[in-house]
Amino acid sequence: MTNWLKILNHPLFNMGFFLVARQLTKFFDLESPQYLTFLRGLYLSSQLAIILLSFYLISIIRKKNDTTILRYVEPGSQQWDGTESTDKLVNTNNMDYDVEEVKKQMKQSFTGVAIVAFLHLKFGYVQPLVMQSILGFKTFFTTKEARIHFFNGRTTTGELRRPFRVESPFNMMGEKRQPKTDKGSIKRAEKALKAQ
């Protein structure tokens, strides 16, 4: 699974997929009504399938009922004026954490649907319908929650260990913005919470 995951998440795979799909779609007149109706239906059905898969994933997570305690310190966010808010101590369990992560992914999916709908309806672009009909499934099945609960990924070490590292494009997210699980950070956050 790891080798396929590295290939699927590699930036060159996404770029290559886009270029190949772009060349293949040039053979079809995607603007014609017969293709356009089919592509709209394909896009909407794929997004509906991804939403249903997300709800199914939530039901699997709840059925497993992993109530192992999960304590970590969520780093404070940077405000618009450059100041930083205080770190927040989070006490939860694995089930609640995974459900929240799936809900975050669903919100991102809805944002993507809104953007693609805007591009298609306002500017008439058809390519995003084709791309997101396929890439939506790739995105869903490579999420950490899907890898844990669908493909039985190991959560004791590596990138599937909870709390998940915050990923950013080009690895620009520093260690300071990552959740902390060490005892020293948790004790400092507890002391700060008591002092308030």
N, C-alpha and C. Protein backbone atom coordinates (compact mmCIF):
# COMPACT_ATOMS: atom_id res chain seq x y z
N MET A 1 0.82 -1.20 0.00
CA MET A 1 0.00 0.00 0.00
C MET A 1 0.86 1.26 0.00
N THR A 2 1.97 1.24 0.70
CA THR A 2 2.80 2.43 0.83
C THR A 2 3.38 2.85 -0.51
N ASN A 3 3.85 1.89 -1.32
CA ASN A 3 4.44 2.25 -2.61
C ASN A 3 3.41 2.88 -3.53
N TRP A 4 2.19 2.31 -3.56
CA TRP A 4 1.15 2.89 -4.40
C TRP A 4 0.76 4.27 -3.90
N LEU A 5 0.76 4.42 -2.59
CA LEU A 5 0.39 5.70 -2.01
C LEU A 5 1.41 6.78 -2.38
N LYS A 6 2.68 6.43 -2.34
CA LYS A 6 3.71 7.40 -2.72
C LYS A 6 3.56 7.80 -4.18
N ILE A 7 3.21 6.84 -5.02
CA ILE A 7 3.03 7.16 -6.45
C ILE A 7 1.80 8.06 -6.63
N LEU A 8 0.69 7.70 -6.00
CA LEU A 8 -0.55 8.47 -6.17
C LEU A 8 -0.46 9.88 -5.60
N ASN A 9 0.32 10.07 -4.55
CA ASN A 9 0.43 11.39 -3.93
C ASN A 9 1.57 12.23 -4.50
N HIS A 10 2.34 11.66 -5.38
CA HIS A 10 3.45 12.40 -5.95
C HIS A 10 2.92 13.50 -6.87
N PRO A 11 3.48 14.71 -6.80
CA PRO A 11 2.98 15.80 -7.65
C PRO A 11 3.07 15.49 -9.15
N LEU A 12 4.06 14.73 -9.54
CA LEU A 12 4.18 14.40 -10.97
C LEU A 12 3.04 13.49 -11.43
N PHE A 13 2.50 12.66 -10.52
CA PHE A 13 1.36 11.82 -10.90
C PHE A 13 0.15 12.69 -11.24
N ASN A 14 -0.12 13.68 -10.40
CA ASN A 14 -1.26 14.57 -10.65
C ASN A 14 -1.06 15.35 -11.95
N MET A 15 0.15 15.84 -12.17
CA MET A 15 0.42 16.59 -13.38
C MET A 15 0.31 15.69 -14.62
N GLY A 16 0.88 14.48 -14.52
CA GLY A 16 0.80 13.54 -15.63
C GLY A 16 -0.64 13.13 -15.91
N PHE A 17 -1.39 12.88 -14.85
CA PHE A 17 -2.80 12.51 -15.02
C PHE A 17 -3.56 13.63 -15.73
N PHE A 18 -3.31 14.86 -15.30
CA PHE A 18 -4.00 15.99 -15.92
C PHE A 18 -3.65 16.11 -17.39
N LEU A 19 -2.36 15.98 -17.73
CA LEU A 19 -1.95 16.12 -19.13
C LEU A 19 -2.51 15.00 -20.00
N VAL A 20 -2.49 13.77 -19.50
CA VAL A 20 -3.03 12.65 -20.27
C VAL A 20 -4.54 12.80 -20.45
N ALA A 21 -5.23 13.14 -19.38
CA ALA A 21 -6.69 13.32 -19.47
C ALA A 21 -7.03 14.48 -20.39
N ARG A 22 -6.24 15.51 -20.36
CA ARG A 22 -6.47 16.67 -21.25
C ARG A 22 -6.34 16.26 -22.71
N GLN A 23 -5.32 15.46 -23.01
CA GLN A 23 -5.14 15.01 -24.39
C GLN A 23 -6.26 14.07 -24.83
N LEU A 24 -6.71 13.21 -23.92
CA LEU A 24 -7.79 12.28 -24.27
C LEU A 24 -9.10 13.01 -24.50
N THR A 25 -9.36 14.05 -23.72
CA THR A 25 -10.62 14.76 -23.87
C THR A 25 -10.65 15.67 -25.09
N LYS A 26 -9.51 15.92 -25.71
CA LYS A 26 -9.49 16.72 -26.93
C LYS A 26 -10.18 16.01 -28.09
N PHE A 27 -10.25 14.68 -28.03
CA PHE A 27 -10.88 13.91 -29.10
C PHE A 27 -12.40 14.05 -29.09
N PHE A 28 -12.96 14.50 -27.99
CA PHE A 28 -14.41 14.62 -27.86
C PHE A 28 -14.81 16.09 -27.84
N ASP A 29 -15.92 16.39 -28.43
CA ASP A 29 -16.46 17.74 -28.37
C ASP A 29 -17.27 17.85 -27.08
N LEU A 30 -16.59 18.22 -26.02
CA LEU A 30 -17.23 18.24 -24.70
C LEU A 30 -18.28 19.33 -24.56
N GLU A 31 -18.28 20.29 -25.46
CA GLU A 31 -19.25 21.37 -25.40
C GLU A 31 -20.62 20.96 -25.95
N SER A 32 -20.66 19.86 -26.71
CA SER A 32 -21.94 19.46 -27.30
C SER A 32 -22.90 18.98 -26.21
N PRO A 33 -24.20 19.22 -26.39
CA PRO A 33 -25.17 18.90 -25.34
C PRO A 33 -25.20 17.42 -24.94
N GLN A 34 -24.93 16.51 -25.89
CA GLN A 34 -24.99 15.09 -25.52
C GLN A 34 -23.88 14.73 -24.54
N TYR A 35 -22.68 15.27 -24.71
CA TYR A 35 -21.59 15.01 -23.78
C TYR A 35 -21.74 15.82 -22.50
N LEU A 36 -22.21 17.05 -22.65
CA LEU A 36 -22.31 17.93 -21.49
C LEU A 36 -23.27 17.39 -20.43
N THR A 37 -24.41 16.89 -20.87
CA THR A 37 -25.37 16.31 -19.92
C THR A 37 -24.78 15.08 -19.24
N PHE A 38 -24.09 14.24 -20.01
CA PHE A 38 -23.45 13.06 -19.44
C PHE A 38 -22.38 13.44 -18.43
N LEU A 39 -21.55 14.44 -18.76
CA LEU A 39 -20.47 14.85 -17.85
C LEU A 39 -21.01 15.48 -16.57
N ARG A 40 -22.07 16.25 -16.69
CA ARG A 40 -22.68 16.81 -15.48
C ARG A 40 -23.22 15.70 -14.59
N GLY A 41 -23.87 14.72 -15.20
CA GLY A 41 -24.39 13.59 -14.43
C GLY A 41 -23.27 12.78 -13.80
N LEU A 42 -22.19 12.58 -14.57
CA LEU A 42 -21.02 11.84 -14.05
C LEU A 42 -20.42 12.56 -12.85
N TYR A 43 -20.27 13.89 -12.97
CA TYR A 43 -19.69 14.65 -11.89
C TYR A 43 -20.57 14.62 -10.64
N LEU A 44 -21.86 14.87 -10.83
CA LEU A 44 -22.76 14.88 -9.68
C LEU A 44 -22.86 13.50 -9.03
N SER A 45 -22.91 12.44 -9.83
CA SER A 45 -22.99 11.10 -9.24
C SER A 45 -21.69 10.72 -8.53
N SER A 46 -20.54 11.15 -9.07
CA SER A 46 -19.28 10.83 -8.38
C SER A 46 -19.18 11.59 -7.05
N GLN A 47 -19.61 12.83 -7.03
CA GLN A 47 -19.58 13.59 -5.78
C GLN A 47 -20.56 13.03 -4.76
N LEU A 48 -21.72 12.59 -5.23
CA LEU A 48 -22.69 11.95 -4.33
C LEU A 48 -22.12 10.64 -3.78
N ALA A 49 -21.43 9.88 -4.63
CA ALA A 49 -20.81 8.63 -4.17
C ALA A 49 -19.74 8.90 -3.12
N ILE A 50 -18.97 9.97 -3.29
CA ILE A 50 -17.93 10.31 -2.32
C ILE A 50 -18.55 10.73 -0.99
N ILE A 51 -19.64 11.47 -1.04
CA ILE A 51 -20.33 11.86 0.19
C ILE A 51 -20.89 10.62 0.90
N LEU A 52 -21.48 9.72 0.13
CA LEU A 52 -22.00 8.48 0.72
C LEU A 52 -20.88 7.63 1.31
N LEU A 53 -19.73 7.57 0.62
CA LEU A 53 -18.58 6.85 1.16
C LEU A 53 -18.10 7.49 2.47
N SER A 54 -18.16 8.82 2.54
CA SER A 54 -17.75 9.50 3.78
C SER A 54 -18.68 9.13 4.93
N PHE A 55 -19.98 9.10 4.67
CA PHE A 55 -20.91 8.69 5.73
C PHE A 55 -20.72 7.22 6.11
N TYR A 56 -20.40 6.39 5.13
CA TYR A 56 -20.11 4.98 5.41
C TYR A 56 -18.85 4.86 6.26
N LEU A 57 -17.84 5.67 5.94
CA LEU A 57 -16.61 5.67 6.74
C LEU A 57 -16.89 6.09 8.17
N ILE A 58 -17.74 7.09 8.36
CA ILE A 58 -18.11 7.51 9.72
C ILE A 58 -18.81 6.38 10.45
N SER A 59 -19.68 5.65 9.75
CA SER A 59 -20.37 4.53 10.41
C SER A 59 -19.39 3.42 10.79
N ILE A 60 -18.38 3.17 9.96
CA ILE A 60 -17.36 2.17 10.30
C ILE A 60 -16.59 2.62 11.53
N ILE A 61 -16.23 3.90 11.58
CA ILE A 61 -15.48 4.43 12.72
C ILE A 61 -16.29 4.28 14.00
N ARG A 62 -17.57 4.62 13.92
CA ARG A 62 -18.42 4.51 15.11
C ARG A 62 -18.66 3.06 15.50
N LYS A 63 -18.71 2.17 14.52
CA LYS A 63 -18.91 0.76 14.83
C LYS A 63 -17.69 0.18 15.55
N LYS A 64 -16.49 0.62 15.16
CA LYS A 64 -15.28 0.15 15.84
C LYS A 64 -15.22 0.66 17.27
N ASN A 65 -15.77 1.85 17.52
CA ASN A 65 -15.87 2.42 18.86
C ASN A 65 -14.54 2.40 19.62
N ASP A 66 -13.51 2.94 18.97
CA ASP A 66 -12.18 3.00 19.59
C ASP A 66 -12.14 4.20 20.54
N THR A 67 -12.32 3.92 21.83
CA THR A 67 -12.36 5.00 22.82
C THR A 67 -11.02 5.19 23.53
N THR A 68 -9.94 4.85 22.86
CA THR A 68 -8.62 5.10 23.42
C THR A 68 -8.43 6.61 23.57
N ILE A 69 -7.98 7.01 24.75
CA ILE A 69 -7.82 8.43 25.05
C ILE A 69 -6.72 9.03 24.17
N LEU A 70 -7.01 10.20 23.66
CA LEU A 70 -6.06 10.93 22.81
C LEU A 70 -5.93 12.34 23.36
N ARG A 71 -4.75 12.67 23.86
CA ARG A 71 -4.47 14.00 24.40
C ARG A 71 -3.33 14.61 23.60
N TYR A 72 -3.55 15.84 23.18
CA TYR A 72 -2.50 16.54 22.44
C TYR A 72 -2.72 18.04 22.57
N VAL A 73 -1.71 18.77 22.18
CA VAL A 73 -1.77 20.23 22.23
C VAL A 73 -1.88 20.73 20.79
N GLU A 74 -2.96 21.42 20.53
CA GLU A 74 -3.17 22.02 19.21
C GLU A 74 -2.52 23.39 19.22
N PRO A 75 -1.60 23.65 18.29
CA PRO A 75 -0.91 24.94 18.31
C PRO A 75 -1.86 26.09 18.04
N GLY A 76 -1.55 27.23 18.64
CA GLY A 76 -2.37 28.42 18.44
C GLY A 76 -2.25 28.91 17.00
N SER A 77 -3.30 29.51 16.53
CA SER A 77 -3.29 30.01 15.15
C SER A 77 -2.79 31.44 15.13
N GLN A 78 -2.25 31.81 13.99
CA GLN A 78 -1.74 33.17 13.83
C GLN A 78 -2.88 34.07 13.37
N GLN A 79 -3.00 35.20 14.05
CA GLN A 79 -4.06 36.16 13.73
C GLN A 79 -3.63 37.04 12.56
N TRP A 80 -4.56 37.86 12.07
CA TRP A 80 -4.26 38.73 10.93
C TRP A 80 -3.21 39.78 11.26
N ASP A 81 -3.14 40.19 12.52
CA ASP A 81 -2.18 41.23 12.89
C ASP A 81 -0.81 40.66 13.26
N GLY A 82 -0.63 39.35 13.13
CA GLY A 82 0.66 38.73 13.39
C GLY A 82 0.79 38.12 14.77
N THR A 83 -0.14 38.42 15.68
CA THR A 83 -0.08 37.82 17.00
C THR A 83 -0.59 36.39 16.93
N GLU A 84 -0.19 35.60 17.90
CA GLU A 84 -0.60 34.20 17.93
C GLU A 84 -1.50 33.94 19.13
N SER A 85 -2.52 33.12 18.90
CA SER A 85 -3.37 32.73 20.01
C SER A 85 -2.66 31.63 20.81
N THR A 86 -3.14 31.37 22.01
CA THR A 86 -2.49 30.39 22.86
C THR A 86 -2.77 28.97 22.37
N ASP A 87 -1.85 28.08 22.71
CA ASP A 87 -2.03 26.67 22.37
C ASP A 87 -3.23 26.12 23.14
N LYS A 88 -3.91 25.14 22.54
CA LYS A 88 -5.12 24.59 23.14
C LYS A 88 -4.92 23.10 23.44
N LEU A 89 -5.22 22.72 24.66
CA LEU A 89 -5.15 21.32 25.05
C LEU A 89 -6.43 20.62 24.60
N VAL A 90 -6.27 19.49 23.89
CA VAL A 90 -7.42 18.75 23.38
C VAL A 90 -7.46 17.39 24.06
N ASN A 91 -8.58 17.08 24.70
CA ASN A 91 -8.82 15.76 25.29
C ASN A 91 -9.96 15.12 24.53
N THR A 92 -9.67 14.03 23.83
CA THR A 92 -10.68 13.35 23.03
C THR A 92 -10.35 11.86 23.00
N ASN A 93 -11.01 11.14 22.13
CA ASN A 93 -10.65 9.74 21.91
C ASN A 93 -10.51 9.51 20.41
N ASN A 94 -9.98 8.35 20.05
CA ASN A 94 -9.69 8.09 18.64
C ASN A 94 -10.94 8.15 17.76
N MET A 95 -12.06 7.63 18.26
CA MET A 95 -13.28 7.63 17.46
C MET A 95 -13.73 9.06 17.15
N ASP A 96 -13.81 9.91 18.16
CA ASP A 96 -14.25 11.29 17.95
C ASP A 96 -13.27 12.06 17.06
N TYR A 97 -11.98 11.79 17.25
CA TYR A 97 -10.97 12.45 16.43
C TYR A 97 -11.13 12.08 14.96
N ASP A 98 -11.30 10.79 14.69
CA ASP A 98 -11.44 10.34 13.29
C ASP A 98 -12.72 10.87 12.66
N VAL A 99 -13.81 10.89 13.42
CA VAL A 99 -15.07 11.42 12.88
C VAL A 99 -14.90 12.90 12.52
N GLU A 100 -14.23 13.66 13.39
CA GLU A 100 -14.01 15.08 13.09
C GLU A 100 -13.14 15.26 11.85
N GLU A 101 -12.14 14.40 11.69
CA GLU A 101 -11.28 14.49 10.51
C GLU A 101 -12.06 14.19 9.23
N VAL A 102 -12.95 13.20 9.27
CA VAL A 102 -13.78 12.89 8.10
C VAL A 102 -14.71 14.06 7.80
N LYS A 103 -15.25 14.69 8.83
CA LYS A 103 -16.13 15.84 8.61
C LYS A 103 -15.35 17.01 7.99
N LYS A 104 -14.09 17.18 8.38
CA LYS A 104 -13.25 18.21 7.75
C LYS A 104 -13.09 17.92 6.26
N GLN A 105 -12.85 16.64 5.93
CA GLN A 105 -12.70 16.26 4.53
C GLN A 105 -13.99 16.51 3.76
N MET A 106 -15.13 16.27 4.39
CA MET A 106 -16.41 16.51 3.72
C MET A 106 -16.60 18.01 3.44
N LYS A 107 -16.21 18.85 4.38
CA LYS A 107 -16.31 20.30 4.16
C LYS A 107 -15.43 20.73 3.00
N GLN A 108 -14.23 20.15 2.92
CA GLN A 108 -13.35 20.46 1.81
C GLN A 108 -13.96 19.98 0.49
N SER A 109 -14.64 18.85 0.51
CA SER A 109 -15.30 18.36 -0.70
C SER A 109 -16.41 19.30 -1.15
N PHE A 110 -17.20 19.80 -0.19
CA PHE A 110 -18.26 20.74 -0.54
C PHE A 110 -17.69 22.04 -1.11
N THR A 111 -16.56 22.48 -0.57
CA THR A 111 -15.91 23.67 -1.10
C THR A 111 -15.45 23.42 -2.54
N GLY A 112 -14.90 22.25 -2.79
CA GLY A 112 -14.48 21.89 -4.14
C GLY A 112 -15.64 21.83 -5.11
N VAL A 113 -16.78 21.30 -4.66
CA VAL A 113 -17.97 21.26 -5.51
C VAL A 113 -18.42 22.67 -5.85
N ALA A 114 -18.39 23.58 -4.88
CA ALA A 114 -18.80 24.96 -5.13
C ALA A 114 -17.88 25.63 -6.15
N ILE A 115 -16.57 25.38 -6.02
CA ILE A 115 -15.61 25.99 -6.95
C ILE A 115 -15.81 25.44 -8.36
N VAL A 116 -15.95 24.12 -8.49
CA VAL A 116 -16.15 23.52 -9.81
C VAL A 116 -17.47 23.98 -10.41
N ALA A 117 -18.52 24.07 -9.60
CA ALA A 117 -19.81 24.55 -10.11
C ALA A 117 -19.70 25.99 -10.60
N PHE A 118 -18.98 26.82 -9.87
CA PHE A 118 -18.77 28.21 -10.29
C PHE A 118 -18.02 28.27 -11.62
N LEU A 119 -16.92 27.52 -11.71
CA LEU A 119 -16.13 27.52 -12.95
C LEU A 119 -16.95 27.02 -14.14
N HIS A 120 -17.78 26.02 -13.89
CA HIS A 120 -18.57 25.44 -14.99
C HIS A 120 -19.74 26.34 -15.39
N LEU A 121 -20.47 26.82 -14.40
CA LEU A 121 -21.67 27.59 -14.72
C LEU A 121 -21.36 29.03 -15.14
N LYS A 122 -20.37 29.64 -14.53
CA LYS A 122 -20.05 31.03 -14.85
C LYS A 122 -19.20 31.16 -16.12
N PHE A 123 -18.17 30.31 -16.24
CA PHE A 123 -17.25 30.45 -17.36
C PHE A 123 -17.40 29.35 -18.42
N GLY A 124 -18.20 28.34 -18.13
CA GLY A 124 -18.43 27.28 -19.11
C GLY A 124 -17.33 26.25 -19.22
N TYR A 125 -16.43 26.17 -18.23
CA TYR A 125 -15.35 25.18 -18.28
C TYR A 125 -15.92 23.79 -18.05
N VAL A 126 -15.48 22.85 -18.88
CA VAL A 126 -15.95 21.47 -18.77
C VAL A 126 -14.86 20.57 -18.18
N GLN A 127 -13.60 20.95 -18.36
CA GLN A 127 -12.49 20.13 -17.87
C GLN A 127 -12.57 19.82 -16.37
N PRO A 128 -12.92 20.78 -15.51
CA PRO A 128 -13.00 20.45 -14.08
C PRO A 128 -14.01 19.35 -13.77
N LEU A 129 -15.08 19.26 -14.56
CA LEU A 129 -16.06 18.19 -14.35
C LEU A 129 -15.41 16.83 -14.57
N VAL A 130 -14.62 16.73 -15.63
CA VAL A 130 -13.96 15.46 -15.95
C VAL A 130 -12.92 15.11 -14.89
N MET A 131 -12.08 16.09 -14.56
CA MET A 131 -10.98 15.84 -13.63
C MET A 131 -11.48 15.47 -12.23
N GLN A 132 -12.42 16.25 -11.73
CA GLN A 132 -12.87 16.02 -10.36
C GLN A 132 -13.77 14.80 -10.23
N SER A 133 -14.32 14.33 -11.33
CA SER A 133 -15.08 13.08 -11.28
C SER A 133 -14.17 11.91 -10.91
N ILE A 134 -12.91 12.00 -11.32
CA ILE A 134 -11.96 10.91 -11.06
C ILE A 134 -11.09 11.22 -9.84
N LEU A 135 -10.55 12.43 -9.79
CA LEU A 135 -9.63 12.78 -8.70
C LEU A 135 -10.30 12.83 -7.33
N GLY A 136 -11.61 13.02 -7.30
CA GLY A 136 -12.32 13.00 -6.02
C GLY A 136 -12.19 11.67 -5.32
N PHE A 137 -12.26 10.57 -6.09
CA PHE A 137 -12.10 9.24 -5.50
C PHE A 137 -10.67 9.02 -5.04
N LYS A 138 -9.71 9.48 -5.83
CA LYS A 138 -8.30 9.35 -5.43
C LYS A 138 -8.05 10.09 -4.13
N THR A 139 -8.60 11.29 -4.02
CA THR A 139 -8.43 12.07 -2.80
C THR A 139 -9.06 11.37 -1.61
N PHE A 140 -10.27 10.84 -1.80
CA PHE A 140 -10.96 10.19 -0.68
C PHE A 140 -10.20 8.96 -0.20
N PHE A 141 -9.78 8.10 -1.12
CA PHE A 141 -9.15 6.84 -0.72
C PHE A 141 -7.71 7.00 -0.24
N THR A 142 -7.11 8.16 -0.46
CA THR A 142 -5.77 8.37 0.07
C THR A 142 -5.78 9.18 1.37
N THR A 143 -6.97 9.52 1.89
CA THR A 143 -7.01 10.20 3.18
C THR A 143 -6.55 9.24 4.27
N LYS A 144 -6.07 9.79 5.34
CA LYS A 144 -5.55 8.96 6.43
C LYS A 144 -6.64 8.12 7.07
N GLU A 145 -7.84 8.67 7.19
CA GLU A 145 -8.94 7.92 7.80
C GLU A 145 -9.33 6.72 6.94
N ALA A 146 -9.40 6.91 5.62
CA ALA A 146 -9.74 5.80 4.72
C ALA A 146 -8.64 4.74 4.77
N ARG A 147 -7.39 5.17 4.82
CA ARG A 147 -6.29 4.20 4.88
C ARG A 147 -6.33 3.41 6.18
N ILE A 148 -6.74 4.05 7.28
CA ILE A 148 -6.82 3.35 8.56
C ILE A 148 -8.00 2.38 8.58
N HIS A 149 -9.17 2.86 8.21
CA HIS A 149 -10.39 2.08 8.43
C HIS A 149 -10.80 1.21 7.25
N PHE A 150 -10.41 1.56 6.03
CA PHE A 150 -10.71 0.70 4.88
C PHE A 150 -9.58 -0.28 4.59
N PHE A 151 -8.34 0.19 4.74
CA PHE A 151 -7.18 -0.63 4.36
C PHE A 151 -6.36 -1.09 5.55
N ASN A 152 -6.89 -0.95 6.76
CA ASN A 152 -6.25 -1.42 8.00
C ASN A 152 -4.83 -0.92 8.16
N GLY A 153 -4.64 0.39 8.00
CA GLY A 153 -3.32 0.98 8.18
C GLY A 153 -2.90 0.96 9.64
N ARG A 154 -1.59 0.89 9.89
CA ARG A 154 -1.06 0.87 11.25
C ARG A 154 -1.04 2.28 11.83
N THR A 155 -1.61 2.41 13.00
CA THR A 155 -1.70 3.74 13.62
C THR A 155 -0.70 3.93 14.76
N THR A 156 0.15 2.96 15.00
CA THR A 156 1.09 3.08 16.12
C THR A 156 2.29 3.95 15.77
N THR A 157 2.74 3.91 14.53
CA THR A 157 3.89 4.72 14.12
C THR A 157 3.64 5.27 12.72
N GLY A 158 4.47 6.19 12.32
CA GLY A 158 4.40 6.72 10.96
C GLY A 158 3.36 7.81 10.80
N GLU A 159 3.01 8.05 9.55
CA GLU A 159 2.12 9.18 9.26
C GLU A 159 0.67 8.93 9.64
N LEU A 160 0.31 7.69 9.98
CA LEU A 160 -1.07 7.40 10.39
C LEU A 160 -1.26 7.48 11.90
N ARG A 161 -0.21 7.86 12.61
CA ARG A 161 -0.31 8.00 14.06
C ARG A 161 -1.10 9.25 14.40
N ARG A 162 -2.03 9.10 15.32
CA ARG A 162 -2.86 10.23 15.73
C ARG A 162 -2.14 11.04 16.80
N PRO A 163 -2.31 12.32 16.88
CA PRO A 163 -2.98 13.21 15.94
C PRO A 163 -2.18 13.36 14.66
N PHE A 164 -2.87 13.52 13.55
CA PHE A 164 -2.21 13.58 12.25
C PHE A 164 -1.43 14.88 12.10
N ARG A 165 -0.32 14.77 11.41
CA ARG A 165 0.46 15.97 11.10
C ARG A 165 -0.33 16.82 10.11
N VAL A 166 -0.21 18.12 10.26
CA VAL A 166 -0.86 19.04 9.34
C VAL A 166 -0.01 19.10 8.08
N GLU A 167 -0.62 18.77 6.96
CA GLU A 167 0.12 18.77 5.69
C GLU A 167 -0.16 20.05 4.94
N SER A 168 0.85 20.52 4.25
CA SER A 168 0.70 21.73 3.46
C SER A 168 1.45 21.56 2.15
N PRO A 169 1.08 22.34 1.15
CA PRO A 169 1.80 22.24 -0.12
C PRO A 169 3.26 22.60 0.06
N PHE A 170 4.12 21.86 -0.58
CA PHE A 170 5.56 22.11 -0.58
C PHE A 170 6.18 22.00 0.80
N ASN A 171 5.52 21.32 1.73
CA ASN A 171 6.02 21.13 3.10
C ASN A 171 6.43 22.43 3.76
N MET A 172 5.61 23.46 3.60
CA MET A 172 5.92 24.77 4.16
C MET A 172 5.44 24.93 5.60
N MET A 173 4.77 23.93 6.14
CA MET A 173 4.28 23.99 7.52
C MET A 173 5.40 23.54 8.45
N GLY A 174 5.83 24.44 9.33
CA GLY A 174 6.93 24.12 10.22
C GLY A 174 6.48 23.25 11.39
N GLU A 175 7.45 22.78 12.15
CA GLU A 175 7.17 21.95 13.33
C GLU A 175 6.37 22.71 14.38
N LYS A 176 6.49 24.01 14.38
CA LYS A 176 5.78 24.83 15.36
C LYS A 176 4.27 24.72 15.19
N ARG A 177 3.79 24.47 14.00
CA ARG A 177 2.36 24.40 13.71
C ARG A 177 1.80 22.98 13.79
N GLN A 178 2.62 22.01 14.16
CA GLN A 178 2.17 20.63 14.25
C GLN A 178 1.61 20.34 15.64
N PRO A 179 0.62 19.43 15.74
CA PRO A 179 0.12 19.06 17.07
C PRO A 179 1.22 18.38 17.88
N LYS A 180 1.24 18.66 19.18
CA LYS A 180 2.29 18.13 20.04
C LYS A 180 1.69 17.10 21.01
N THR A 181 2.37 15.97 21.14
CA THR A 181 1.87 14.91 22.03
C THR A 181 2.82 14.63 23.18
N ASP A 182 3.95 15.32 23.24
CA ASP A 182 4.90 15.04 24.32
C ASP A 182 4.36 15.54 25.65
N LYS A 183 4.80 14.91 26.72
CA LYS A 183 4.28 15.21 28.06
C LYS A 183 4.59 16.63 28.49
N GLY A 184 5.73 17.16 28.11
CA GLY A 184 6.09 18.52 28.48
C GLY A 184 5.12 19.55 27.89
N SER A 185 4.77 19.38 26.63
CA SER A 185 3.83 20.31 25.99
C SER A 185 2.46 20.22 26.62
N ILE A 186 2.03 18.99 26.94
CA ILE A 186 0.71 18.81 27.57
C ILE A 186 0.69 19.45 28.95
N LYS A 187 1.78 19.29 29.74
CA LYS A 187 1.83 19.90 31.07
C LYS A 187 1.82 21.42 30.98
N ARG A 188 2.55 22.00 30.03
CA ARG A 188 2.56 23.45 29.86
C ARG A 188 1.17 23.96 29.49
N ALA A 189 0.47 23.22 28.64
CA ALA A 189 -0.88 23.63 28.24
C ALA A 189 -1.85 23.51 29.43
N GLU A 190 -1.68 22.47 30.25
CA GLU A 190 -2.52 22.34 31.44
C GLU A 190 -2.30 23.48 32.42
N LYS A 191 -1.02 23.86 32.62
CA LYS A 191 -0.70 24.98 33.52
C LYS A 191 -1.28 26.27 32.99
N ALA A 192 -1.20 26.49 31.68
CA ALA A 192 -1.75 27.71 31.08
C ALA A 192 -3.26 27.74 31.22
N LEU A 193 -3.90 26.57 31.12
CA LEU A 193 -5.35 26.48 31.25
C LEU A 193 -5.79 26.77 32.68
N LYS A 194 -5.01 26.28 33.69
CA LYS A 194 -5.32 26.53 35.08
C LYS A 194 -5.12 28.00 35.44
N ALA A 195 -4.13 28.64 34.81
CA ALA A 195 -3.81 30.04 35.10
C ALA A 195 -4.89 30.99 34.60
N GLN A 196 -5.69 30.56 33.65
CA GLN A 196 -6.72 31.45 33.08
C GLN A 196 -7.90 31.61 33.97
